[in-house]
PDB file of N, CA and C in Angstrom:
ATOM      1  N   MET A   1      13.279 -11.513  -3.733  1.00  0.00           N
ATOM      2  CA  MET A   1      12.102 -10.814  -3.528  1.00  0.00           C
ATOM      3  C   MET A   1      11.670 -11.119  -2.159  1.00  0.00           C
ATOM      4  N   THR A   2      10.596 -10.847  -1.665  1.00  0.00           N
ATOM      5  CA  THR A   2      10.284 -10.885  -0.315  1.00  0.00           C
ATOM      6  C   THR A   2       9.178 -11.765  -0.120  1.00  0.00           C
ATOM      7  N   ASP A   3       8.991 -12.235   1.025  1.00  0.00           N
ATOM      8  CA  ASP A   3       7.864 -13.193   1.354  1.00  0.00           C
ATOM      9  C   ASP A   3       6.555 -12.169   1.658  1.00  0.00           C
ATOM     10  N   ARG A   4       6.344 -11.117   1.473  1.00  0.00           N
ATOM     11  CA  ARG A   4       5.141 -10.137   1.734  1.00  0.00           C
ATOM     12  C   ARG A   4       4.105 -10.484   0.613  1.00  0.00           C
ATOM     13  N   GLU A   5       3.025 -10.220   0.977  1.00  0.00           N
ATOM     14  CA  GLU A   5       1.576 -10.414  -0.275  1.00  0.00           C
ATOM     15  C   GLU A   5       2.213  -9.208  -1.257  1.00  0.00           C
ATOM     16  N   PRO A   6       1.833  -9.555  -2.583  1.00  0.00           N
ATOM     17  CA  PRO A   6       1.915  -8.507  -3.428  1.00  0.00           C
ATOM     18  C   PRO A   6       0.812  -7.435  -3.412  1.00  0.00           C
ATOM     19  N   CYS A   7       1.125  -6.572  -3.946  1.00  0.00           N
ATOM     20  CA  CYS A   7       0.485  -5.198  -4.243  1.00  0.00           C
ATOM     21  C   CYS A   7      -1.094  -5.789  -4.542  1.00  0.00           C
ATOM     22  N   ALA A   8      -2.086  -4.913  -3.813  1.00  0.00           N
ATOM     23  CA  ALA A   8      -3.162  -5.155  -4.059  1.00  0.00           C
ATOM     24  C   ALA A   8      -3.659  -4.447  -5.589  1.00  0.00           C
ATOM     25  N   GLU A   9      -3.073  -3.604  -6.049  1.00  0.00           N
ATOM     26  CA  GLU A   9      -3.440  -3.073  -7.395  1.00  0.00           C
ATOM     27  C   GLU A   9      -3.036  -4.204  -8.619  1.00  0.00           C
ATOM     28  N   GLU A  10      -4.139  -4.215  -9.431  1.00  0.00           N
ATOM     29  CA  GLU A  10      -4.291  -4.833 -10.538  1.00  0.00           C
ATOM     30  C   GLU A  10      -2.831  -4.970 -11.662  1.00  0.00           C
ATOM     31  N   GLY A  11      -2.427  -5.925 -11.621  1.00  0.00           N
ATOM     32  CA  GLY A  11      -1.151  -6.008 -12.349  1.00  0.00           C
ATOM     33  C   GLY A  11       0.221  -5.473 -11.808  1.00  0.00           C
ATOM     34  N   CYS A  12       0.219  -5.303 -10.560  1.00  0.00           N
ATOM     35  CA  CYS A  12       1.372  -5.007  -9.947  1.00  0.00           C
ATOM     36  C   CYS A  12       1.814  -6.056  -9.153  1.00  0.00           C
ATOM     37  N   GLU A  13       3.158  -6.447  -9.423  1.00  0.00           N
ATOM     38  CA  GLU A  13       4.037  -7.703  -8.466  1.00  0.00           C
ATOM     39  C   GLU A  13       4.673  -7.074  -7.533  1.00  0.00           C
ATOM     40  N   ARG A  14       4.889  -5.716  -7.523  1.00  0.00           N
ATOM     41  CA  ARG A  14       5.788  -5.104  -6.200  1.00  0.00           C
ATOM     42  C   ARG A  14       5.050  -5.906  -4.745  1.00  0.00           C
ATOM     43  N   PRO A  15       6.049  -6.056  -4.124  1.00  0.00           N
ATOM     44  CA  PRO A  15       5.448  -6.523  -2.408  1.00  0.00           C
ATOM     45  C   PRO A  15       4.592  -5.079  -1.833  1.00  0.00           C
ATOM     46  N   ALA A  16       3.946  -5.805  -1.198  1.00  0.00           N
ATOM     47  CA  ALA A  16       2.914  -4.583  -0.262  1.00  0.00           C
ATOM     48  C   ALA A  16       3.538  -4.005   0.726  1.00  0.00           C
ATOM     49  N   ALA A  17       3.643  -2.712   1.014  1.00  0.00           N
ATOM     50  CA  ALA A  17       4.659  -2.110   1.876  1.00  0.00           C
ATOM     51  C   ALA A  17       3.559  -0.932   2.570  1.00  0.00           C
ATOM     52  N   VAL A  18       2.488  -0.648   2.560  1.00  0.00           N
ATOM     53  CA  VAL A  18       1.707   0.086   2.931  1.00  0.00           C
ATOM     54  C   VAL A  18       0.113  -0.481   3.145  1.00  0.00           C
ATOM     55  N   ARG A  19      -0.499  -0.022   4.117  1.00  0.00           N
ATOM     56  CA  ARG A  19      -1.632  -0.227   4.191  1.00  0.00           C
ATOM     57  C   ARG A  19      -2.605   1.096   4.007  1.00  0.00           C
ATOM     58  N   LEU A  20      -3.478   1.076   2.843  1.00  0.00           N
ATOM     59  CA  LEU A  20      -4.215   2.045   3.011  1.00  0.00           C
ATOM     60  C   LEU A  20      -5.643   1.977   3.371  1.00  0.00           C
ATOM     61  N   HIS A  21      -6.068   2.894   4.333  1.00  0.00           N
ATOM     62  CA  HIS A  21      -7.418   3.111   5.127  1.00  0.00           C
ATOM     63  C   HIS A  21      -8.342   3.795   4.000  1.00  0.00           C
ATOM     64  N   VAL A  22      -9.091   3.458   3.333  1.00  0.00           N
ATOM     65  CA  VAL A  22      -9.914   4.109   2.598  1.00  0.00           C
ATOM     66  C   VAL A  22     -11.510   3.797   3.122  1.00  0.00           C
ATOM     67  N   PRO A  23     -12.181   5.424   3.574  1.00  0.00           N
ATOM     68  CA  PRO A  23     -13.308   4.977   4.037  1.00  0.00           C
ATOM     69  C   PRO A  23     -14.412   4.564   3.212  1.00  0.00           C
ATOM     70  N   TRP A  24     -14.237   4.757   2.030  1.00  0.00           N
ATOM     71  CA  TRP A  24     -15.699   4.358   0.925  1.00  0.00           C
ATOM     72  C   TRP A  24     -15.652   3.043   0.314  1.00  0.00           C
ATOM     73  N   ALA A  25     -14.142   2.167   1.129  1.00  0.00           N
ATOM     74  CA  ALA A  25     -14.085   0.917   0.197  1.00  0.00           C
ATOM     75  C   ALA A  25     -13.356   0.024   1.338  1.00  0.00           C
ATOM     76  N   GLU A  26     -12.705  -1.138   0.858  1.00  0.00           N
ATOM     77  CA  GLU A  26     -12.091  -1.752   1.875  1.00  0.00           C
ATOM     78  C   GLU A  26     -10.722  -1.518   2.022  1.00  0.00           C
ATOM     79  N   ASN A  27     -10.166  -1.466   3.042  1.00  0.00           N
ATOM     80  CA  ASN A  27      -8.624  -0.995   3.317  1.00  0.00           C
ATOM     81  C   ASN A  27      -7.774  -2.124   2.347  1.00  0.00           C
ATOM     82  N   ARG A  28      -6.621  -1.778   1.877  1.00  0.00           N
ATOM     83  CA  ARG A  28      -6.006  -2.387   0.897  1.00  0.00           C
ATOM     84  C   ARG A  28      -4.552  -2.355   1.205  1.00  0.00           C
ATOM     85  N   GLU A  29      -3.653  -3.497   1.127  1.00  0.00           N
ATOM     86  CA  GLU A  29      -2.392  -3.307   1.239  1.00  0.00           C
ATOM     87  C   GLU A  29      -1.717  -2.964  -0.513  1.00  0.00           C
ATOM     88  N   VAL A  30      -0.916  -2.024  -0.505  1.00  0.00           N
ATOM     89  CA  VAL A  30      -0.248  -1.798  -1.498  1.00  0.00           C
ATOM     90  C   VAL A  30       1.030  -1.529  -1.759  1.00  0.00           C
ATOM     91  N   CYS A  31       1.856  -1.427  -2.653  1.00  0.00           N
ATOM     92  CA  CYS A  31       3.224  -1.108  -2.584  1.00  0.00           C
ATOM     93  C   CYS A  31       3.480   0.324  -2.486  1.00  0.00           C
ATOM     94  N   THR A  32       4.786   0.564  -2.145  1.00  0.00           N
ATOM     95  CA  THR A  32       5.185   2.203  -1.956  1.00  0.00           C
ATOM     96  C   THR A  32       4.799   3.057  -3.139  1.00  0.00           C
ATOM     97  N   ALA A  33       5.021   2.456  -4.206  1.00  0.00           N
ATOM     98  CA  ALA A  33       4.599   3.639  -5.654  1.00  0.00           C
ATOM     99  C   ALA A  33       3.029   3.481  -5.692  1.00  0.00           C
ATOM    100  N   HIS A  34       2.119   2.737  -5.575  1.00  0.00           N
ATOM    101  CA  HIS A  34       0.967   3.203  -5.601  1.00  0.00           C
ATOM    102  C   HIS A  34       0.405   3.898  -4.432  1.00  0.00           C
ATOM    103  N   ALA A  35       0.899   3.578  -2.997  1.00  0.00           N
ATOM    104  CA  ALA A  35       0.692   4.175  -1.968  1.00  0.00           C
ATOM    105  C   ALA A  35       0.991   5.774  -1.843  1.00  0.00           C
ATOM    106  N   ARG A  36       1.990   6.395  -2.614  1.00  0.00           N
ATOM    107  CA  ARG A  36       2.294   7.485  -2.891  1.00  0.00           C
ATOM    108  C   ARG A  36       1.288   8.198  -3.767  1.00  0.00           C
ATOM    109  N   VAL A  37       0.851   7.641  -4.926  1.00  0.00           N
ATOM    110  CA  VAL A  37      -0.402   7.963  -5.599  1.00  0.00           C
ATOM    111  C   VAL A  37      -1.629   8.328  -4.844  1.00  0.00           C
ATOM    112  N   LEU A  38      -2.011   6.973  -4.287  1.00  0.00           N
ATOM    113  CA  LEU A  38      -3.532   6.824  -3.785  1.00  0.00           C
ATOM    114  C   LEU A  38      -3.529   7.541  -2.308  1.00  0.00           C
ATOM    115  N   ALA A  39      -2.519   7.813  -1.788  1.00  0.00           N
ATOM    116  CA  ALA A  39      -2.767   8.692  -0.415  1.00  0.00           C
ATOM    117  C   ALA A  39      -2.926   9.725  -0.391  1.00  0.00           C
ATOM    118  N   ARG A  40      -2.733  10.636  -1.790  1.00  0.00           N
ATOM    119  CA  ARG A  40      -3.255  12.094  -2.069  1.00  0.00           C
ATOM    120  C   ARG A  40      -4.434  12.280  -2.114  1.00  0.00           C
ATOM    121  N   LYS A  41      -5.368  11.224  -2.211  1.00  0.00           N
ATOM    122  CA  LYS A  41      -6.789  11.415  -2.270  1.00  0.00           C
ATOM    123  C   LYS A  41      -7.319  11.958  -0.747  1.00  0.00           C
ATOM    124  N   ASP A  42      -8.260  12.508  -0.606  1.00  0.00           N
ATOM    125  CA  ASP A  42      -8.768  13.296   0.534  1.00  0.00           C
ATOM    126  C   ASP A  42      -9.556  12.025   1.013  1.00  0.00           C
ATOM    127  N   GLY A  43      -9.100  11.993   2.295  1.00  0.00           N
ATOM    128  CA  GLY A  43      -9.710  10.806   3.038  1.00  0.00           C
ATOM    129  C   GLY A  43      -8.999   9.361   3.231  1.00  0.00           C
ATOM    130  N   ILE A  44      -8.202   9.154   2.541  1.00  0.00           N
ATOM    131  CA  ILE A  44      -6.907   8.003   2.492  1.00  0.00           C
ATOM    132  C   ILE A  44      -6.212   8.125   3.513  1.00  0.00           C
ATOM    133  N   VAL A  45      -5.903   7.008   4.425  1.00  0.00           N
ATOM    134  CA  VAL A  45      -4.836   7.368   5.467  1.00  0.00           C
ATOM    135  C   VAL A  45      -3.834   6.043   4.962  1.00  0.00           C
ATOM    136  N   ALA A  46      -2.477   6.528   4.639  1.00  0.00           N
ATOM    137  CA  ALA A  46      -1.225   5.768   4.587  1.00  0.00           C
ATOM    138  C   ALA A  46      -0.997   4.984   5.694  1.00  0.00           C
ATOM    139  N   GLU A  47      -0.673   3.702   6.030  1.00  0.00           N
ATOM    140  CA  GLU A  47       0.087   3.439   7.390  1.00  0.00           C
ATOM    141  C   GLU A  47       1.151   2.315   6.785  1.00  0.00           C
ATOM    142  N   PRO A  48       2.251   2.595   7.041  1.00  0.00           N
ATOM    143  CA  PRO A  48       3.359   1.496   6.545  1.00  0.00           C
ATOM    144  C   PRO A  48       3.186   0.159   7.379  1.00  0.00           C
ATOM    145  N   LEU A  49       3.379  -1.023   6.809  1.00  0.00           N
ATOM    146  CA  LEU A  49       3.262  -2.110   7.206  1.00  0.00           C
ATOM    147  C   LEU A  49       4.645  -2.302   8.387  1.00  0.00           C
ATOM    148  N   GLU A  50       4.599  -3.063   9.370  1.00  0.00           N
ATOM    149  CA  GLU A  50       5.471  -3.350  10.551  1.00  0.00           C
ATOM    150  C   GLU A  50       6.780  -3.806  10.002  1.00  0.00           C
ATOM    151  N   ASP A  51       6.590  -4.898   9.041  1.00  0.00           N
ATOM    152  CA  ASP A  51       7.914  -5.413   8.761  1.00  0.00           C
ATOM    153  C   ASP A  51       8.438  -4.733   7.610  1.00  0.00           C
ATOM    154  N   VAL A  52       8.114  -3.471   7.304  1.00  0.00           N
ATOM    155  CA  VAL A  52       8.686  -2.617   6.064  1.00  0.00           C
ATOM    156  C   VAL A  52       9.863  -1.760   6.862  1.00  0.00           C
ATOM    157  N   ASP A  53      11.218  -1.711   6.661  1.00  0.00           N
ATOM    158  CA  ASP A  53      12.015  -1.171   6.988  1.00  0.00           C
ATOM    159  C   ASP A  53      12.199   0.362   6.603  1.00  0.00           C
ATOM    160  N   GLU A  54      11.751   0.325   5.193  1.00  0.00           N
ATOM    161  CA  GLU A  54      11.593   1.904   4.671  1.00  0.00           C
ATOM    162  C   GLU A  54      10.958   1.869   3.359  1.00  0.00           C
ATOM    163  N   TRP A  55      10.642   3.122   3.037  1.00  0.00           N
ATOM    164  CA  TRP A  55       9.743   3.510   1.836  1.00  0.00           C
ATOM    165  C   TRP A  55      10.427   3.542   0.576  1.00  0.00           C
ATOM    166  N   ARG A  56      10.495   2.672  -0.394  1.00  0.00           N
ATOM    167  CA  ARG A  56      11.485   2.600  -1.732  1.00  0.00           C
ATOM    168  C   ARG A  56      10.871   3.415  -2.528  1.00  0.00           C
TER     169      ARG A  56
END
């Protein structure tokens, strides 16, 4: 595994790889799987974390 924090989504233990900038809530760091889904919502911007080599 990795030393990164886990995904912010409840019940997910994957490592966080993306910071989501959410205009109507706090920004949060999530795994790539959740980022792919959540970043499709209007207004959310996905920013890969610096220590992530690739999106999985």
